[in-house]
Amino acid sequence: MTAPDAALWASLPVPALVLDAADRIADANPAAELFLNLSARALRGEPVWERVAIDAPMEESFRRARAQRSSLSVNDVDVGSGE
């Protein structure tokens, strides 16, 4: 990540995760660290669905975002940690 990208990533006001091809957490911004009460270092490599619980059908949206290599924003749903 370049310096301007890192500054933007760190300043995002909402939790954000980067996932790898196996749905494991590759990176987490500071808001995600606070939300999940874990450091980005501790989250790296963890399966996303063991750390994040979303009370909404996400399969189709998740598949579409991955196929288009785009971001996925979740609004108006209950989101919590996997614990």
N, C-alpha and C. Protein backbone atom coordinates (compact mmCIF):
# COMPACT_ATOMS: atom_id res chain seq x y z
N MET A 1 0.86 -1.17 0.00
CA MET A 1 0.00 0.00 0.00
C MET A 1 0.90 1.24 0.00
N THR A 2 0.62 2.18 -0.87
CA THR A 2 1.42 3.40 -0.91
C THR A 2 1.06 4.29 0.27
N ALA A 3 1.88 5.27 0.55
CA ALA A 3 1.64 6.17 1.68
C ALA A 3 0.29 6.87 1.60
N PRO A 4 -0.10 7.44 0.44
CA PRO A 4 -1.44 8.07 0.38
C PRO A 4 -2.56 7.05 0.59
N ASP A 5 -2.39 5.83 0.05
CA ASP A 5 -3.40 4.79 0.25
C ASP A 5 -3.50 4.41 1.73
N ALA A 6 -2.36 4.29 2.38
CA ALA A 6 -2.34 3.92 3.80
C ALA A 6 -3.00 5.00 4.64
N ALA A 7 -2.78 6.25 4.30
CA ALA A 7 -3.41 7.35 5.05
C ALA A 7 -4.92 7.32 4.88
N LEU A 8 -5.38 7.07 3.66
CA LEU A 8 -6.82 6.98 3.40
C LEU A 8 -7.42 5.79 4.13
N TRP A 9 -6.75 4.64 4.06
CA TRP A 9 -7.22 3.42 4.72
C TRP A 9 -7.36 3.66 6.23
N ALA A 10 -6.39 4.29 6.82
CA ALA A 10 -6.40 4.53 8.27
C ALA A 10 -7.46 5.56 8.67
N SER A 11 -7.84 6.44 7.75
CA SER A 11 -8.79 7.50 8.11
C SER A 11 -10.25 7.14 7.83
N LEU A 12 -10.52 5.98 7.24
CA LEU A 12 -11.91 5.60 6.99
C LEU A 12 -12.68 5.54 8.30
N PRO A 13 -13.85 6.16 8.38
CA PRO A 13 -14.59 6.20 9.64
C PRO A 13 -15.42 4.94 9.91
N VAL A 14 -15.50 4.04 8.95
CA VAL A 14 -16.29 2.81 9.12
C VAL A 14 -15.36 1.60 9.06
N PRO A 15 -15.74 0.50 9.73
CA PRO A 15 -14.91 -0.71 9.67
C PRO A 15 -14.81 -1.21 8.23
N ALA A 16 -13.61 -1.57 7.82
CA ALA A 16 -13.37 -2.10 6.48
C ALA A 16 -12.37 -3.24 6.55
N LEU A 17 -12.64 -4.27 5.78
CA LEU A 17 -11.76 -5.44 5.72
C LEU A 17 -11.39 -5.70 4.27
N VAL A 18 -10.18 -6.18 4.05
CA VAL A 18 -9.75 -6.67 2.75
C VAL A 18 -9.68 -8.19 2.89
N LEU A 19 -10.31 -8.90 1.95
CA LEU A 19 -10.34 -10.36 2.01
C LEU A 19 -9.50 -10.95 0.89
N ASP A 20 -8.93 -12.12 1.14
CA ASP A 20 -8.20 -12.82 0.09
C ASP A 20 -9.16 -13.75 -0.65
N ALA A 21 -8.64 -14.53 -1.58
CA ALA A 21 -9.47 -15.41 -2.40
C ALA A 21 -10.15 -16.51 -1.59
N ALA A 22 -9.62 -16.82 -0.42
CA ALA A 22 -10.18 -17.88 0.42
C ALA A 22 -11.09 -17.31 1.51
N ASP A 23 -11.53 -16.06 1.37
CA ASP A 23 -12.38 -15.39 2.35
C ASP A 23 -11.73 -15.26 3.72
N ARG A 24 -10.43 -15.09 3.71
CA ARG A 24 -9.69 -14.83 4.95
C ARG A 24 -9.33 -13.35 4.97
N ILE A 25 -9.23 -12.80 6.16
CA ILE A 25 -8.95 -11.38 6.32
C ILE A 25 -7.48 -11.12 5.98
N ALA A 26 -7.27 -10.24 4.99
CA ALA A 26 -5.91 -9.86 4.59
C ALA A 26 -5.48 -8.57 5.28
N ASP A 27 -6.45 -7.69 5.58
CA ASP A 27 -6.13 -6.44 6.25
C ASP A 27 -7.39 -5.88 6.89
N ALA A 28 -7.23 -5.08 7.91
CA ALA A 28 -8.34 -4.43 8.61
C ALA A 28 -7.93 -3.01 8.94
N ASN A 29 -8.83 -2.07 8.74
CA ASN A 29 -8.51 -0.68 9.08
C ASN A 29 -8.71 -0.47 10.58
N PRO A 30 -8.25 0.67 11.12
CA PRO A 30 -8.38 0.92 12.57
C PRO A 30 -9.83 0.86 13.07
N ALA A 31 -10.79 1.30 12.27
CA ALA A 31 -12.20 1.23 12.69
C ALA A 31 -12.64 -0.23 12.84
N ALA A 32 -12.17 -1.11 11.98
CA ALA A 32 -12.49 -2.53 12.08
C ALA A 32 -11.83 -3.15 13.31
N GLU A 33 -10.61 -2.71 13.61
CA GLU A 33 -9.93 -3.19 14.81
C GLU A 33 -10.75 -2.85 16.06
N LEU A 34 -11.24 -1.62 16.12
CA LEU A 34 -12.07 -1.21 17.26
C LEU A 34 -13.39 -1.98 17.30
N PHE A 35 -14.02 -2.12 16.15
CA PHE A 35 -15.31 -2.81 16.07
C PHE A 35 -15.20 -4.27 16.50
N LEU A 36 -14.15 -4.94 16.04
CA LEU A 36 -13.98 -6.36 16.34
C LEU A 36 -13.16 -6.60 17.60
N ASN A 37 -12.62 -5.53 18.18
CA ASN A 37 -11.82 -5.61 19.40
C ASN A 37 -10.62 -6.54 19.23
N LEU A 38 -10.02 -6.49 18.05
CA LEU A 38 -8.81 -7.25 17.74
C LEU A 38 -7.92 -6.42 16.85
N SER A 39 -6.62 -6.61 16.94
CA SER A 39 -5.70 -5.87 16.07
C SER A 39 -5.74 -6.45 14.67
N ALA A 40 -5.31 -5.65 13.70
CA ALA A 40 -5.23 -6.12 12.32
C ALA A 40 -4.30 -7.33 12.24
N ARG A 41 -3.24 -7.29 13.01
CA ARG A 41 -2.30 -8.41 13.03
C ARG A 41 -2.98 -9.71 13.49
N ALA A 42 -3.81 -9.62 14.52
CA ALA A 42 -4.52 -10.80 15.02
C ALA A 42 -5.60 -11.27 14.04
N LEU A 43 -6.16 -10.35 13.26
CA LEU A 43 -7.21 -10.70 12.32
C LEU A 43 -6.68 -11.31 11.03
N ARG A 44 -5.45 -10.98 10.64
CA ARG A 44 -4.91 -11.46 9.37
C ARG A 44 -4.90 -12.99 9.33
N GLY A 45 -5.44 -13.52 8.24
CA GLY A 45 -5.48 -14.97 8.05
C GLY A 45 -6.70 -15.64 8.64
N GLU A 46 -7.49 -14.93 9.42
CA GLU A 46 -8.69 -15.49 10.03
C GLU A 46 -9.82 -15.57 9.00
N PRO A 47 -10.62 -16.63 9.02
CA PRO A 47 -11.79 -16.69 8.13
C PRO A 47 -12.76 -15.57 8.50
N VAL A 48 -13.18 -14.80 7.51
CA VAL A 48 -14.02 -13.63 7.77
C VAL A 48 -15.32 -14.01 8.47
N TRP A 49 -15.93 -15.13 8.08
CA TRP A 49 -17.25 -15.48 8.65
C TRP A 49 -17.15 -16.03 10.06
N GLU A 50 -15.93 -16.26 10.56
CA GLU A 50 -15.75 -16.61 11.97
C GLU A 50 -15.56 -15.36 12.82
N ARG A 51 -15.25 -14.24 12.19
CA ARG A 51 -15.02 -12.99 12.92
C ARG A 51 -16.13 -11.97 12.74
N VAL A 52 -16.92 -12.11 11.68
CA VAL A 52 -17.98 -11.14 11.39
C VAL A 52 -19.30 -11.89 11.18
N ALA A 53 -20.33 -11.44 11.85
CA ALA A 53 -21.67 -12.02 11.69
C ALA A 53 -22.58 -10.95 11.09
N ILE A 54 -23.23 -11.28 9.99
CA ILE A 54 -24.13 -10.34 9.31
C ILE A 54 -25.51 -10.99 9.22
N ASP A 55 -26.50 -10.28 9.74
CA ASP A 55 -27.87 -10.81 9.76
C ASP A 55 -28.61 -10.41 8.48
N ALA A 56 -28.14 -10.95 7.36
CA ALA A 56 -28.75 -10.67 6.06
C ALA A 56 -28.22 -11.68 5.06
N PRO A 57 -29.00 -12.00 4.04
CA PRO A 57 -28.49 -12.89 3.00
C PRO A 57 -27.43 -12.17 2.17
N MET A 58 -26.21 -12.64 2.22
CA MET A 58 -25.09 -11.95 1.59
C MET A 58 -24.48 -12.71 0.42
N GLU A 59 -24.86 -13.94 0.22
CA GLU A 59 -24.17 -14.79 -0.75
C GLU A 59 -24.11 -14.18 -2.14
N GLU A 60 -25.25 -13.76 -2.68
CA GLU A 60 -25.29 -13.22 -4.04
C GLU A 60 -24.51 -11.90 -4.15
N SER A 61 -24.70 -11.02 -3.21
CA SER A 61 -23.98 -9.75 -3.22
C SER A 61 -22.47 -9.97 -3.10
N PHE A 62 -22.09 -10.89 -2.25
CA PHE A 62 -20.68 -11.19 -2.05
C PHE A 62 -20.08 -11.78 -3.32
N ARG A 63 -20.80 -12.69 -3.97
CA ARG A 63 -20.33 -13.31 -5.20
C ARG A 63 -20.16 -12.26 -6.30
N ARG A 64 -21.13 -11.37 -6.43
CA ARG A 64 -21.09 -10.33 -7.45
C ARG A 64 -19.92 -9.36 -7.22
N ALA A 65 -19.71 -8.95 -5.98
CA ALA A 65 -18.61 -8.04 -5.66
C ALA A 65 -17.26 -8.70 -5.96
N ARG A 66 -17.14 -9.97 -5.63
CA ARG A 66 -15.89 -10.68 -5.91
C ARG A 66 -15.67 -10.81 -7.41
N ALA A 67 -16.70 -11.17 -8.17
CA ALA A 67 -16.58 -11.34 -9.61
C ALA A 67 -16.19 -10.02 -10.30
N GLN A 68 -16.71 -8.91 -9.79
CA GLN A 68 -16.44 -7.60 -10.38
C GLN A 68 -15.23 -6.90 -9.75
N ARG A 69 -14.63 -7.57 -8.75
CA ARG A 69 -13.49 -7.00 -8.02
C ARG A 69 -13.82 -5.60 -7.51
N SER A 70 -14.98 -5.50 -6.88
CA SER A 70 -15.43 -4.21 -6.35
C SER A 70 -15.63 -4.31 -4.85
N SER A 71 -15.89 -3.17 -4.25
CA SER A 71 -16.15 -3.15 -2.81
C SER A 71 -17.60 -3.55 -2.56
N LEU A 72 -17.86 -3.95 -1.33
CA LEU A 72 -19.21 -4.32 -0.92
C LEU A 72 -19.51 -3.56 0.36
N SER A 73 -20.54 -2.74 0.33
CA SER A 73 -20.96 -2.00 1.52
C SER A 73 -22.26 -2.61 2.03
N VAL A 74 -22.34 -2.75 3.34
CA VAL A 74 -23.54 -3.31 3.95
C VAL A 74 -24.22 -2.23 4.76
N ASN A 75 -25.48 -1.93 4.43
CA ASN A 75 -26.24 -0.91 5.12
C ASN A 75 -27.54 -1.51 5.67
N ASP A 76 -28.02 -0.96 6.75
CA ASP A 76 -29.32 -1.32 7.33
C ASP A 76 -29.45 -2.82 7.67
N VAL A 77 -28.38 -3.40 8.21
CA VAL A 77 -28.43 -4.77 8.70
C VAL A 77 -27.71 -4.82 10.04
N ASP A 78 -27.98 -5.86 10.78
CA ASP A 78 -27.27 -6.07 12.04
C ASP A 78 -25.94 -6.75 11.75
N VAL A 79 -24.87 -6.12 12.16
CA VAL A 79 -23.52 -6.65 11.96
C VAL A 79 -22.85 -6.69 13.33
N GLY A 80 -22.18 -7.79 13.59
CA GLY A 80 -21.48 -7.91 14.85
C GLY A 80 -20.26 -8.80 14.69
N SER A 81 -19.56 -8.99 15.76
CA SER A 81 -18.41 -9.88 15.71
C SER A 81 -18.91 -11.31 15.67
N GLY A 82 -18.07 -12.22 15.21
CA GLY A 82 -18.44 -13.63 15.15
C GLY A 82 -18.57 -14.25 16.53
N GLU A 83 -18.16 -13.53 17.56
CA GLU A 83 -18.24 -14.04 18.92
C GLU A 83 -19.49 -13.53 19.55
